[in-house]
PDB file of all heavy atoms in Angstrom:
ATOM      1  N   ALA A   1       9.984   7.341  -3.655  1.00  0.00           N
ATOM      2  CA  ALA A   1       9.170   7.762  -4.797  1.00  0.00           C
ATOM      3  C   ALA A   1       8.264   6.632  -5.204  1.00  0.00           C
ATOM      4  O   ALA A   1       8.710   5.496  -5.344  1.00  0.00           O
ATOM      5  CB  ALA A   1      10.084   8.177  -5.954  1.00  0.00           C
ATOM      6  N   TYR A   2       7.004   6.921  -5.446  1.00  0.00           N
ATOM      7  CA  TYR A   2       6.054   5.927  -5.884  1.00  0.00           C
ATOM      8  C   TYR A   2       5.476   6.359  -7.214  1.00  0.00           C
ATOM      9  O   TYR A   2       4.489   7.107  -7.279  1.00  0.00           O
ATOM     10  CB  TYR A   2       4.915   5.759  -4.843  1.00  0.00           C
ATOM     11  CG  TYR A   2       5.374   5.365  -3.480  1.00  0.00           C
ATOM     12  CD1 TYR A   2       5.263   6.238  -2.415  1.00  0.00           C
ATOM     13  CD2 TYR A   2       5.928   4.089  -3.279  1.00  0.00           C
ATOM     14  CE1 TYR A   2       5.692   5.868  -1.151  1.00  0.00           C
ATOM     15  CE2 TYR A   2       6.365   3.732  -2.016  1.00  0.00           C
ATOM     16  CZ  TYR A   2       6.237   4.605  -0.939  1.00  0.00           C
ATOM     17  OH  TYR A   2       6.655   4.235   0.288  1.00  0.00           O
ATOM     18  N   PRO A   3       6.084   5.962  -8.339  1.00  0.00           N
ATOM     19  CA  PRO A   3       5.564   6.354  -9.647  1.00  0.00           C
ATOM     20  C   PRO A   3       4.111   5.950  -9.830  1.00  0.00           C
ATOM     21  O   PRO A   3       3.716   4.829  -9.460  1.00  0.00           O
ATOM     22  CB  PRO A   3       6.478   5.605 -10.634  1.00  0.00           C
ATOM     23  CG  PRO A   3       7.714   5.314  -9.848  1.00  0.00           C
ATOM     24  CD  PRO A   3       7.277   5.113  -8.428  1.00  0.00           C
ATOM     25  N   ALA A   4       3.299   6.835 -10.389  1.00  0.00           N
ATOM     26  CA  ALA A   4       1.884   6.544 -10.576  1.00  0.00           C
ATOM     27  C   ALA A   4       1.662   5.316 -11.445  1.00  0.00           C
ATOM     28  O   ALA A   4       0.671   4.591 -11.290  1.00  0.00           O
ATOM     29  CB  ALA A   4       1.198   7.761 -11.208  1.00  0.00           C
ATOM     30  N   ALA A   5       2.595   5.051 -12.364  1.00  0.00           N
ATOM     31  CA  ALA A   5       2.429   3.902 -13.268  1.00  0.00           C
ATOM     32  C   ALA A   5       2.631   2.582 -12.528  1.00  0.00           C
ATOM     33  O   ALA A   5       2.250   1.531 -13.026  1.00  0.00           O
ATOM     34  CB  ALA A   5       3.421   3.999 -14.426  1.00  0.00           C
ATOM     35  N   VAL A   6       3.243   2.640 -11.350  1.00  0.00           N
ATOM     36  CA  VAL A   6       3.550   1.405 -10.624  1.00  0.00           C
ATOM     37  C   VAL A   6       2.690   1.239  -9.382  1.00  0.00           C
ATOM     38  O   VAL A   6       2.255   0.154  -9.055  1.00  0.00           O
ATOM     39  CB  VAL A   6       5.043   1.391 -10.239  1.00  0.00           C
ATOM     40  CG1 VAL A   6       5.361   0.185  -9.383  1.00  0.00           C
ATOM     41  CG2 VAL A   6       5.897   1.396 -11.479  1.00  0.00           C
ATOM     42  N   MET A   7       2.396   2.321  -8.689  1.00  0.00           N
ATOM     43  CA  MET A   7       1.642   2.210  -7.450  1.00  0.00           C
ATOM     44  C   MET A   7       0.711   3.396  -7.306  1.00  0.00           C
ATOM     45  O   MET A   7       1.119   4.527  -7.450  1.00  0.00           O
ATOM     46  CB  MET A   7       2.585   2.130  -6.253  1.00  0.00           C
ATOM     47  CG  MET A   7       1.870   2.088  -4.918  1.00  0.00           C
ATOM     48  SD  MET A   7       3.017   2.076  -3.541  1.00  0.00           S
ATOM     49  CE  MET A   7       3.689   0.453  -3.720  1.00  0.00           C
ATOM     50  N   SER A   8      -0.545   3.122  -7.039  1.00  0.00           N
ATOM     51  CA  SER A   8      -1.493   4.198  -6.819  1.00  0.00           C
ATOM     52  C   SER A   8      -1.526   4.558  -5.347  1.00  0.00           C
ATOM     53  O   SER A   8      -1.152   3.751  -4.491  1.00  0.00           O
ATOM     54  CB  SER A   8      -2.898   3.738  -7.262  1.00  0.00           C
ATOM     55  OG  SER A   8      -3.348   2.675  -6.441  1.00  0.00           O
ATOM     56  N   PRO A   9      -1.975   5.785  -4.979  1.00  0.00           N
ATOM     57  CA  PRO A   9      -2.057   6.141  -3.559  1.00  0.00           C
ATOM     58  C   PRO A   9      -2.897   5.186  -2.729  1.00  0.00           C
ATOM     59  O   PRO A   9      -2.572   4.893  -1.590  1.00  0.00           O
ATOM     60  CB  PRO A   9      -2.685   7.549  -3.624  1.00  0.00           C
ATOM     61  CG  PRO A   9      -2.315   8.072  -4.969  1.00  0.00           C
ATOM     62  CD  PRO A   9      -2.330   6.865  -5.865  1.00  0.00           C
ATOM     63  N   SER A  10      -3.984   4.675  -3.303  1.00  0.00           N
ATOM     64  CA  SER A  10      -4.843   3.766  -2.554  1.00  0.00           C
ATOM     65  C   SER A  10      -4.112   2.471  -2.259  1.00  0.00           C
ATOM     66  O   SER A  10      -4.243   1.896  -1.181  1.00  0.00           O
ATOM     67  CB  SER A  10      -6.114   3.459  -3.339  1.00  0.00           C
ATOM     68  OG  SER A  10      -5.804   2.861  -4.592  1.00  0.00           O
ATOM     69  N   ASP A  11      -3.300   1.990  -3.193  1.00  0.00           N
ATOM     70  CA  ASP A  11      -2.525   0.766  -2.960  1.00  0.00           C
ATOM     71  C   ASP A  11      -1.499   0.996  -1.876  1.00  0.00           C
ATOM     72  O   ASP A  11      -1.249   0.139  -1.051  1.00  0.00           O
ATOM     73  CB  ASP A  11      -1.833   0.326  -4.272  1.00  0.00           C
ATOM     74  CG  ASP A  11      -1.166  -1.037  -4.129  1.00  0.00           C
ATOM     75  OD1 ASP A  11      -1.744  -1.895  -3.432  1.00  0.00           O
ATOM     76  OD2 ASP A  11      -0.104  -1.215  -4.698  1.00  0.00           O
ATOM     77  N   THR A  12      -0.872   2.162  -1.857  1.00  0.00           N
ATOM     78  CA  THR A  12       0.116   2.502  -0.827  1.00  0.00           C
ATOM     79  C   THR A  12      -0.544   2.489   0.544  1.00  0.00           C
ATOM     80  O   THR A  12      -0.022   1.914   1.511  1.00  0.00           O
ATOM     81  CB  THR A  12       0.729   3.867  -1.105  1.00  0.00           C
ATOM     82  OG1 THR A  12       1.265   3.894  -2.405  1.00  0.00           O
ATOM     83  CG2 THR A  12       1.814   4.194  -0.085  1.00  0.00           C
ATOM     84  N   ALA A  13      -1.714   3.125   0.656  1.00  0.00           N
ATOM     85  CA  ALA A  13      -2.396   3.187   1.935  1.00  0.00           C
ATOM     86  C   ALA A  13      -2.782   1.812   2.437  1.00  0.00           C
ATOM     87  O   ALA A  13      -2.611   1.483   3.608  1.00  0.00           O
ATOM     88  CB  ALA A  13      -3.632   4.070   1.812  1.00  0.00           C
ATOM     89  N   ALA A  14      -3.282   0.965   1.524  1.00  0.00           N
ATOM     90  CA  ALA A  14      -3.702  -0.363   1.945  1.00  0.00           C
ATOM     91  C   ALA A  14      -2.539  -1.185   2.444  1.00  0.00           C
ATOM     92  O   ALA A  14      -2.631  -1.922   3.420  1.00  0.00           O
ATOM     93  CB  ALA A  14      -4.400  -1.074   0.777  1.00  0.00           C
ATOM     94  N   SER A  15      -1.402  -1.070   1.770  1.00  0.00           N
ATOM     95  CA  SER A  15      -0.246  -1.900   2.138  1.00  0.00           C
ATOM     96  C   SER A  15       0.378  -1.465   3.444  1.00  0.00           C
ATOM     97  O   SER A  15       1.029  -2.266   4.102  1.00  0.00           O
ATOM     98  CB  SER A  15       0.808  -1.823   1.025  1.00  0.00           C
ATOM     99  OG  SER A  15       1.312  -0.505   0.914  1.00  0.00           O
ATOM    100  N   THR A  16       0.191  -0.232   3.863  1.00  0.00           N
ATOM    101  CA  THR A  16       0.798   0.224   5.099  1.00  0.00           C
ATOM    102  C   THR A  16      -0.116   0.048   6.298  1.00  0.00           C
ATOM    103  O   THR A  16       0.299   0.288   7.434  1.00  0.00           O
ATOM    104  CB  THR A  16       1.198   1.707   4.995  1.00  0.00           C
ATOM    105  OG1 THR A  16       0.044   2.468   4.645  1.00  0.00           O
ATOM    106  CG2 THR A  16       2.289   1.927   3.985  1.00  0.00           C
ATOM    107  N   THR A  17      -1.370  -0.368   6.092  1.00  0.00           N
ATOM    108  CA  THR A  17      -2.265  -0.590   7.208  1.00  0.00           C
ATOM    109  C   THR A  17      -2.433  -2.067   7.537  1.00  0.00           C
ATOM    110  O   THR A  17      -2.747  -2.423   8.650  1.00  0.00           O
ATOM    111  CB  THR A  17      -3.671  -0.010   6.903  1.00  0.00           C
ATOM    112  OG1 THR A  17      -4.148  -0.560   5.674  1.00  0.00           O
ATOM    113  CG2 THR A  17      -3.594   1.510   6.791  1.00  0.00           C
ATOM    114  N   ASN A  18      -2.198  -2.937   6.561  1.00  0.00           N
ATOM    115  CA  ASN A  18      -2.374  -4.372   6.825  1.00  0.00           C
ATOM    116  C   ASN A  18      -1.539  -5.161   5.839  1.00  0.00           C
ATOM    117  O   ASN A  18      -1.917  -5.296   4.694  1.00  0.00           O
ATOM    118  CB  ASN A  18      -3.844  -4.748   6.693  1.00  0.00           C
ATOM    119  CG  ASN A  18      -4.109  -6.112   7.309  1.00  0.00           C
ATOM    120  OD1 ASN A  18      -3.202  -6.902   7.507  1.00  0.00           O
ATOM    121  ND2 ASN A  18      -5.378  -6.387   7.583  1.00  0.00           N
ATOM    122  N   ALA A  19      -0.403  -5.657   6.281  1.00  0.00           N
ATOM    123  CA  ALA A  19       0.506  -6.348   5.363  1.00  0.00           C
ATOM    124  C   ALA A  19       0.260  -7.840   5.313  1.00  0.00           C
ATOM    125  O   ALA A  19       0.606  -8.492   4.355  1.00  0.00           O
ATOM    126  CB  ALA A  19       1.956  -6.105   5.777  1.00  0.00           C
ATOM    127  N   ASP A  20      -0.324  -8.402   6.346  1.00  0.00           N
ATOM    128  CA  ASP A  20      -0.402  -9.858   6.410  1.00  0.00           C
ATOM    129  C   ASP A  20      -1.775 -10.372   6.837  1.00  0.00           C
ATOM    130  O   ASP A  20      -1.907 -11.508   7.235  1.00  0.00           O
ATOM    131  CB  ASP A  20       0.663 -10.360   7.378  1.00  0.00           C
ATOM    132  CG  ASP A  20       1.190 -11.741   6.989  1.00  0.00           C
ATOM    133  OD1 ASP A  20       0.746 -12.236   5.945  1.00  0.00           O
ATOM    134  OD2 ASP A  20       2.002 -12.275   7.718  1.00  0.00           O
ATOM    135  N   GLY A  21      -2.793  -9.524   6.762  1.00  0.00           N
ATOM    136  CA  GLY A  21      -4.107  -9.974   7.127  1.00  0.00           C
ATOM    137  C   GLY A  21      -4.293 -10.149   8.620  1.00  0.00           C
ATOM    138  O   GLY A  21      -5.325 -10.620   9.075  1.00  0.00           O
ATOM    139  N   GLY A  22      -3.308  -9.777   9.456  1.00  0.00           N
ATOM    140  CA  GLY A  22      -3.391  -9.932  10.883  1.00  0.00           C
ATOM    141  C   GLY A  22      -2.894  -8.700  11.591  1.00  0.00           C
ATOM    142  O   GLY A  22      -3.622  -7.737  11.792  1.00  0.00           O
ATOM    143  N   GLU A  23      -1.620  -8.737  11.992  1.00  0.00           N
ATOM    144  CA  GLU A  23      -1.026  -7.574  12.650  1.00  0.00           C
ATOM    145  C   GLU A  23      -0.962  -6.377  11.698  1.00  0.00           C
ATOM    146  O   GLU A  23      -0.802  -6.541  10.490  1.00  0.00           O
ATOM    147  CB  GLU A  23       0.397  -7.911  13.114  1.00  0.00           C
ATOM    148  CG  GLU A  23       0.463  -8.973  14.187  1.00  0.00           C
ATOM    149  CD  GLU A  23       1.901  -9.257  14.608  1.00  0.00           C
ATOM    150  OE1 GLU A  23       2.780  -9.277  13.734  1.00  0.00           O
ATOM    151  OE2 GLU A  23       2.138  -9.435  15.817  1.00  0.00           O
ATOM    152  N   PRO A  24      -1.039  -5.164  12.244  1.00  0.00           N
ATOM    153  CA  PRO A  24      -0.885  -3.977  11.383  1.00  0.00           C
ATOM    154  C   PRO A  24       0.523  -3.888  10.835  1.00  0.00           C
ATOM    155  O   PRO A  24       1.480  -4.282  11.496  1.00  0.00           O
ATOM    156  CB  PRO A  24      -1.205  -2.812  12.327  1.00  0.00           C
ATOM    157  CG  PRO A  24      -0.949  -3.352  13.698  1.00  0.00           C
ATOM    158  CD  PRO A  24      -1.333  -4.816  13.629  1.00  0.00           C
TER     159      PRO A  24
END
């Protein structure tokens, strides 16, 4: 569960495509 008050959908998408600026 990702409460809207804590994480937005755009933040979720960004974090799952590039966690460390290098490898996906």
